[in-house]
């Protein structure tokens, strides 16, 4: 057996973060405006291609933490499920990387696309720990976040509700780009390409 071909998690990670994830703005022929950090946690593992292509097309180099730090996991203020612990570790790795970040994208993710039934909206809500990630990570790492804010890093926390479909990410992402100082038309074009 070819063991590598049987590791479906690794294959999925390569598809999400390499094949369908965006290249740097320079490789896309876009002038680089700055950097934006993403936490490698929860639904970022599914929606990374959308976010990465959107922000890269706007000229931002995406920065992802390579590993989850045990030091970050140890700073959590309460027991969490394993993915919640990893979220702490990855976020700590991101903010302590020493890499200057203009922005940190930490969306408040409410729901994923539901089925075709009439009650799909109620069935598509994500776990409260996924919904609350932006809040508990900023609370846990408030000292580091204050330090980053003093150096000019801004945290972007749009509410993402995809209960009606992926197209519902358009308005919050476009509004986020406007908050970053970009023109609405530029952001709308980037979303259409993403």
C-alpha atoms as a PDB file:
ATOM      1  CA  UNK A   1       0.000   0.000   0.000  1.00  0.00           C
ATOM      2  CA  UNK A   2       0.991   3.581  -0.610  1.00  0.00           C
ATOM      3  CA  UNK A   3       0.486   4.863   2.933  1.00  0.00           C
ATOM      4  CA  UNK A   4       0.637   8.543   1.893  1.00  0.00           C
ATOM      5  CA  UNK A   5      -2.324   8.066  -0.435  1.00  0.00           C
ATOM      6  CA  UNK A   6      -4.360   6.620   2.453  1.00  0.00           C
ATOM      7  CA  UNK A   7      -3.888   9.614   4.769  1.00  0.00           C
ATOM      8  CA  UNK A   8      -7.089  11.421   3.829  1.00  0.00           C
ATOM      9  CA  UNK A   9      -6.582  14.156   6.442  1.00  0.00           C
ATOM     10  CA  UNK A  10      -3.216  15.078   4.956  1.00  0.00           C
ATOM     11  CA  UNK A  11      -4.667  14.982   1.443  1.00  0.00           C
ATOM     12  CA  UNK A  12      -7.515  17.278   2.518  1.00  0.00           C
ATOM     13  CA  UNK A  13      -5.100  19.689   4.217  1.00  0.00           C
ATOM     14  CA  UNK A  14      -3.023  19.901   1.022  1.00  0.00           C
ATOM     15  CA  UNK A  15      -6.145  20.577  -1.028  1.00  0.00           C
ATOM     16  CA  UNK A  16      -7.449  23.278   1.331  1.00  0.00           C
ATOM     17  CA  UNK A  17      -4.200  25.070   2.200  1.00  0.00           C
ATOM     18  CA  UNK A  18      -2.116  24.495  -0.940  1.00  0.00           C
ATOM     19  CA  UNK A  19      -4.111  23.636  -4.049  1.00  0.00           C
ATOM     20  CA  UNK A  20      -7.181  25.836  -3.484  1.00  0.00           C
ATOM     21  CA  UNK A  21      -5.654  28.331  -1.057  1.00  0.00           C
ATOM     22  CA  UNK A  22      -4.291  31.520  -2.571  1.00  0.00           C
ATOM     23  CA  UNK A  23      -0.742  32.297  -3.514  1.00  0.00           C
ATOM     24  CA  UNK A  24       0.915  35.433  -2.224  1.00  0.00           C
ATOM     25  CA  UNK A  25      -0.304  38.689  -3.761  1.00  0.00           C
ATOM     26  CA  UNK A  26       2.996  39.011  -5.654  1.00  0.00           C
ATOM     27  CA  UNK A  27       2.479  35.609  -7.334  1.00  0.00           C
ATOM     28  CA  UNK A  28      -1.059  36.691  -8.235  1.00  0.00           C
ATOM     29  CA  UNK A  29       0.239  39.892  -9.826  1.00  0.00           C
ATOM     30  CA  UNK A  30      -1.324  42.063  -7.112  1.00  0.00           C
ATOM     31  CA  UNK A  31       0.531  44.825  -5.277  1.00  0.00           C
ATOM     32  CA  UNK A  32       1.063  43.793  -1.664  1.00  0.00           C
ATOM     33  CA  UNK A  33      -0.589  46.106   0.872  1.00  0.00           C
ATOM     34  CA  UNK A  34       0.342  44.236   4.046  1.00  0.00           C
ATOM     35  CA  UNK A  35      -0.190  41.061   6.048  1.00  0.00           C
ATOM     36  CA  UNK A  36      -3.215  39.397   7.599  1.00  0.00           C
ATOM     37  CA  UNK A  37      -3.043  36.570  10.128  1.00  0.00           C
ATOM     38  CA  UNK A  38      -5.517  33.680  10.243  1.00  0.00           C
ATOM     39  CA  UNK A  39      -5.896  31.239  13.107  1.00  0.00           C
ATOM     40  CA  UNK A  40      -5.617  27.643  11.879  1.00  0.00           C
ATOM     41  CA  UNK A  41      -8.635  26.396  13.767  1.00  0.00           C
ATOM     42  CA  UNK A  42     -12.181  25.098  13.494  1.00  0.00           C
ATOM     43  CA  UNK A  43     -13.868  26.219  10.267  1.00  0.00           C
ATOM     44  CA  UNK A  44     -10.753  27.887   8.877  1.00  0.00           C
ATOM     45  CA  UNK A  45      -9.899  24.326   7.896  1.00  0.00           C
ATOM     46  CA  UNK A  46     -12.866  24.392   5.495  1.00  0.00           C
ATOM     47  CA  UNK A  47     -13.228  28.011   4.428  1.00  0.00           C
ATOM     48  CA  UNK A  48      -9.556  28.920   4.084  1.00  0.00           C
ATOM     49  CA  UNK A  49      -9.659  28.990   0.252  1.00  0.00           C
ATOM     50  CA  UNK A  50     -12.452  31.590   0.295  1.00  0.00           C
ATOM     51  CA  UNK A  51     -10.763  33.823   2.872  1.00  0.00           C
ATOM     52  CA  UNK A  52      -7.236  33.423   1.509  1.00  0.00           C
ATOM     53  CA  UNK A  53      -8.225  34.135  -2.093  1.00  0.00           C
ATOM     54  CA  UNK A  54     -10.321  37.132  -1.027  1.00  0.00           C
ATOM     55  CA  UNK A  55      -7.619  38.803   1.079  1.00  0.00           C
ATOM     56  CA  UNK A  56      -4.776  37.881  -1.282  1.00  0.00           C
ATOM     57  CA  UNK A  57      -6.635  39.458  -4.180  1.00  0.00           C
ATOM     58  CA  UNK A  58      -6.931  42.596  -2.025  1.00  0.00           C
ATOM     59  CA  UNK A  59      -3.134  42.575  -1.664  1.00  0.00           C
ATOM     60  CA  UNK A  60      -2.677  40.984   1.764  1.00  0.00           C
ATOM     61  CA  UNK A  61      -0.242  38.179   2.394  1.00  0.00           C
ATOM     62  CA  UNK A  62      -1.893  35.523   4.544  1.00  0.00           C
ATOM     63  CA  UNK A  63       0.061  34.395   7.601  1.00  0.00           C
ATOM     64  CA  UNK A  64      -0.863  31.066   9.218  1.00  0.00           C
ATOM     65  CA  UNK A  65       0.675  29.531  12.332  1.00  0.00           C
ATOM     66  CA  UNK A  66       2.614  26.380  11.467  1.00  0.00           C
ATOM     67  CA  UNK A  67       2.092  24.567  14.764  1.00  0.00           C
ATOM     68  CA  UNK A  68      -0.097  24.643  17.833  1.00  0.00           C
ATOM     69  CA  UNK A  69       1.906  25.803  20.857  1.00  0.00           C
ATOM     70  CA  UNK A  70       1.555  23.932  24.138  1.00  0.00           C
ATOM     71  CA  UNK A  71       2.291  27.220  25.891  1.00  0.00           C
ATOM     72  CA  UNK A  72      -0.796  28.712  24.252  1.00  0.00           C
ATOM     73  CA  UNK A  73      -2.922  25.694  25.131  1.00  0.00           C
ATOM     74  CA  UNK A  74      -1.812  25.994  28.758  1.00  0.00           C
ATOM     75  CA  UNK A  75      -3.130  29.575  28.938  1.00  0.00           C
ATOM     76  CA  UNK A  76      -6.755  28.649  28.347  1.00  0.00           C
ATOM     77  CA  UNK A  77      -8.950  29.759  31.245  1.00  0.00           C
ATOM     78  CA  UNK A  78     -11.266  26.744  31.288  1.00  0.00           C
ATOM     79  CA  UNK A  79     -11.455  23.193  29.967  1.00  0.00           C
ATOM     80  CA  UNK A  80     -12.091  22.981  26.225  1.00  0.00           C
ATOM     81  CA  UNK A  81     -12.553  20.191  23.722  1.00  0.00           C
ATOM     82  CA  UNK A  82      -9.366  19.218  21.878  1.00  0.00           C
ATOM     83  CA  UNK A  83     -10.115  21.443  18.839  1.00  0.00           C
ATOM     84  CA  UNK A  84     -10.692  24.352  21.253  1.00  0.00           C
ATOM     85  CA  UNK A  85      -7.335  23.671  22.882  1.00  0.00           C
ATOM     86  CA  UNK A  86      -5.681  23.595  19.466  1.00  0.00           C
ATOM     87  CA  UNK A  87      -7.329  26.948  18.653  1.00  0.00           C
ATOM     88  CA  UNK A  88      -5.584  28.435  21.702  1.00  0.00           C
ATOM     89  CA  UNK A  89      -2.258  26.896  20.709  1.00  0.00           C
ATOM     90  CA  UNK A  90      -2.423  28.008  17.082  1.00  0.00           C
ATOM     91  CA  UNK A  91      -3.533  31.526  18.007  1.00  0.00           C
ATOM     92  CA  UNK A  92      -0.698  31.862  20.491  1.00  0.00           C
ATOM     93  CA  UNK A  93       1.748  30.711  17.802  1.00  0.00           C
ATOM     94  CA  UNK A  94       0.319  33.314  15.414  1.00  0.00           C
ATOM     95  CA  UNK A  95       0.504  36.272  17.795  1.00  0.00           C
ATOM     96  CA  UNK A  96       3.887  35.301  19.239  1.00  0.00           C
ATOM     97  CA  UNK A  97       5.519  34.533  15.886  1.00  0.00           C
ATOM     98  CA  UNK A  98       7.296  37.873  15.820  1.00  0.00           C
ATOM     99  CA  UNK A  99       5.932  38.408  12.323  1.00  0.00           C
ATOM    100  CA  UNK A 100       4.456  41.895  11.978  1.00  0.00           C
ATOM    101  CA  UNK A 101       0.748  41.672  11.222  1.00  0.00           C
ATOM    102  CA  UNK A 102      -1.359  44.533   9.933  1.00  0.00           C
ATOM    103  CA  UNK A 103      -4.560  42.618  10.641  1.00  0.00           C
ATOM    104  CA  UNK A 104      -5.750  39.465  12.370  1.00  0.00           C
ATOM    105  CA  UNK A 105      -8.852  37.900  10.816  1.00  0.00           C
ATOM    106  CA  UNK A 106     -10.821  36.206  13.590  1.00  0.00           C
ATOM    107  CA  UNK A 107     -14.407  35.844  12.366  1.00  0.00           C
ATOM    108  CA  UNK A 108     -17.391  35.240  14.599  1.00  0.00           C
ATOM    109  CA  UNK A 109     -18.708  32.222  12.705  1.00  0.00           C
ATOM    110  CA  UNK A 110     -22.398  31.606  13.375  1.00  0.00           C
ATOM    111  CA  UNK A 111     -23.652  29.002  10.898  1.00  0.00           C
ATOM    112  CA  UNK A 112     -22.772  26.821   7.930  1.00  0.00           C
ATOM    113  CA  UNK A 113     -25.002  26.163   4.914  1.00  0.00           C
ATOM    114  CA  UNK A 114     -27.989  24.046   5.911  1.00  0.00           C
ATOM    115  CA  UNK A 115     -29.931  21.562   3.876  1.00  0.00           C
ATOM    116  CA  UNK A 116     -32.902  22.249   1.643  1.00  0.00           C
ATOM    117  CA  UNK A 117     -35.554  21.685   4.336  1.00  0.00           C
ATOM    118  CA  UNK A 118     -37.615  24.540   5.786  1.00  0.00           C
ATOM    119  CA  UNK A 119     -35.846  24.335   9.136  1.00  0.00           C
ATOM    120  CA  UNK A 120     -32.313  24.303   7.684  1.00  0.00           C
ATOM    121  CA  UNK A 121     -31.485  27.593   9.429  1.00  0.00           C
ATOM    122  CA  UNK A 122     -31.904  26.061  12.872  1.00  0.00           C
ATOM    123  CA  UNK A 123     -29.937  22.957  11.890  1.00  0.00           C
ATOM    124  CA  UNK A 124     -26.889  24.795  10.599  1.00  0.00           C
ATOM    125  CA  UNK A 125     -25.760  26.565  13.770  1.00  0.00           C
ATOM    126  CA  UNK A 126     -22.194  25.735  14.745  1.00  0.00           C
ATOM    127  CA  UNK A 127     -20.967  24.715  18.174  1.00  0.00           C
ATOM    128  CA  UNK A 128     -20.926  27.520  20.785  1.00  0.00           C
ATOM    129  CA  UNK A 129     -17.144  27.094  21.126  1.00  0.00           C
ATOM    130  CA  UNK A 130     -16.752  27.775  17.399  1.00  0.00           C
ATOM    131  CA  UNK A 131     -19.089  30.768  17.626  1.00  0.00           C
ATOM    132  CA  UNK A 132     -17.270  32.169  20.642  1.00  0.00           C
ATOM    133  CA  UNK A 133     -13.701  31.667  19.424  1.00  0.00           C
ATOM    134  CA  UNK A 134     -13.121  35.330  18.619  1.00  0.00           C
ATOM    135  CA  UNK A 135     -14.235  36.331  22.124  1.00  0.00           C
ATOM    136  CA  UNK A 136     -12.450  33.784  24.290  1.00  0.00           C
ATOM    137  CA  UNK A 137      -9.164  34.000  22.372  1.00  0.00           C
ATOM    138  CA  UNK A 138      -9.083  37.786  22.666  1.00  0.00           C
ATOM    139  CA  UNK A 139      -9.857  37.466  26.389  1.00  0.00           C
ATOM    140  CA  UNK A 140      -7.287  34.738  27.047  1.00  0.00           C
ATOM    141  CA  UNK A 141      -4.538  36.596  25.221  1.00  0.00           C
ATOM    142  CA  UNK A 142      -5.594  40.145  26.131  1.00  0.00           C
ATOM    143  CA  UNK A 143      -2.089  41.246  27.155  1.00  0.00           C
ATOM    144  CA  UNK A 144      -0.595  40.099  23.849  1.00  0.00           C
ATOM    145  CA  UNK A 145      -3.537  41.634  21.967  1.00  0.00           C
ATOM    146  CA  UNK A 146      -2.993  44.993  23.695  1.00  0.00           C
ATOM    147  CA  UNK A 147       0.684  44.854  22.740  1.00  0.00           C
ATOM    148  CA  UNK A 148      -0.216  44.069  19.128  1.00  0.00           C
ATOM    149  CA  UNK A 149      -2.808  46.878  19.059  1.00  0.00           C
ATOM    150  CA  UNK A 150      -0.142  49.319  20.262  1.00  0.00           C
ATOM    151  CA  UNK A 151       2.058  48.254  17.354  1.00  0.00           C
ATOM    152  CA  UNK A 152      -0.814  48.895  14.915  1.00  0.00           C
ATOM    153  CA  UNK A 153      -2.352  45.428  14.450  1.00  0.00           C
ATOM    154  CA  UNK A 154      -6.129  45.527  14.056  1.00  0.00           C
ATOM    155  CA  UNK A 155      -8.428  42.589  14.758  1.00  0.00           C
ATOM    156  CA  UNK A 156     -11.210  41.945  12.250  1.00  0.00           C
ATOM    157  CA  UNK A 157     -14.201  40.057  13.665  1.00  0.00           C
ATOM    158  CA  UNK A 158     -17.027  39.975  11.118  1.00  0.00           C
ATOM    159  CA  UNK A 159     -20.139  37.927  11.815  1.00  0.00           C
ATOM    160  CA  UNK A 160     -20.230  35.138   9.216  1.00  0.00           C
ATOM    161  CA  UNK A 161     -23.625  33.442   8.872  1.00  0.00           C
ATOM    162  CA  UNK A 162     -23.721  31.015   5.957  1.00  0.00           C
ATOM    163  CA  UNK A 163     -27.023  29.380   6.910  1.00  0.00           C
ATOM    164  CA  UNK A 164     -28.516  30.425   3.562  1.00  0.00           C
ATOM    165  CA  UNK A 165     -25.379  29.594   1.548  1.00  0.00           C
ATOM    166  CA  UNK A 166     -21.792  30.598   0.798  1.00  0.00           C
ATOM    167  CA  UNK A 167     -22.877  33.780  -0.996  1.00  0.00           C
ATOM    168  CA  UNK A 168     -23.880  35.162   2.419  1.00  0.00           C
ATOM    169  CA  UNK A 169     -20.181  35.650   3.183  1.00  0.00           C
ATOM    170  CA  UNK A 170     -20.103  38.448   0.603  1.00  0.00           C
ATOM    171  CA  UNK A 171     -21.521  41.324   2.673  1.00  0.00           C
ATOM    172  CA  UNK A 172     -19.510  40.729   5.862  1.00  0.00           C
ATOM    173  CA  UNK A 173     -16.267  40.231   3.910  1.00  0.00           C
ATOM    174  CA  UNK A 174     -16.845  43.289   1.743  1.00  0.00           C
ATOM    175  CA  UNK A 175     -17.646  45.336   4.867  1.00  0.00           C
ATOM    176  CA  UNK A 176     -14.457  44.019   6.484  1.00  0.00           C
ATOM    177  CA  UNK A 177     -12.438  45.184   3.478  1.00  0.00           C
ATOM    178  CA  UNK A 178     -14.061  48.622   3.734  1.00  0.00           C
ATOM    179  CA  UNK A 179     -13.032  48.726   7.430  1.00  0.00           C
ATOM    180  CA  UNK A 180      -9.490  47.962   6.238  1.00  0.00           C
ATOM    181  CA  UNK A 181      -9.606  51.117   4.120  1.00  0.00           C
ATOM    182  CA  UNK A 182     -10.373  49.527   0.751  1.00  0.00           C
ATOM    183  CA  UNK A 183     -13.027  50.587  -1.735  1.00  0.00           C
ATOM    184  CA  UNK A 184     -16.266  48.635  -1.823  1.00  0.00           C
ATOM    185  CA  UNK A 185     -15.957  47.951  -5.584  1.00  0.00           C
ATOM    186  CA  UNK A 186     -12.464  46.527  -5.096  1.00  0.00           C
ATOM    187  CA  UNK A 187     -13.751  44.259  -2.314  1.00  0.00           C
ATOM    188  CA  UNK A 188     -16.767  43.144  -4.340  1.00  0.00           C
ATOM    189  CA  UNK A 189     -14.495  42.219  -7.258  1.00  0.00           C
ATOM    190  CA  UNK A 190     -12.192  40.267  -4.914  1.00  0.00           C
ATOM    191  CA  UNK A 191     -15.145  38.336  -3.492  1.00  0.00           C
ATOM    192  CA  UNK A 192     -16.403  37.506  -6.986  1.00  0.00           C
ATOM    193  CA  UNK A 193     -12.966  36.028  -7.823  1.00  0.00           C
ATOM    194  CA  UNK A 194     -12.618  34.205  -4.508  1.00  0.00           C
END
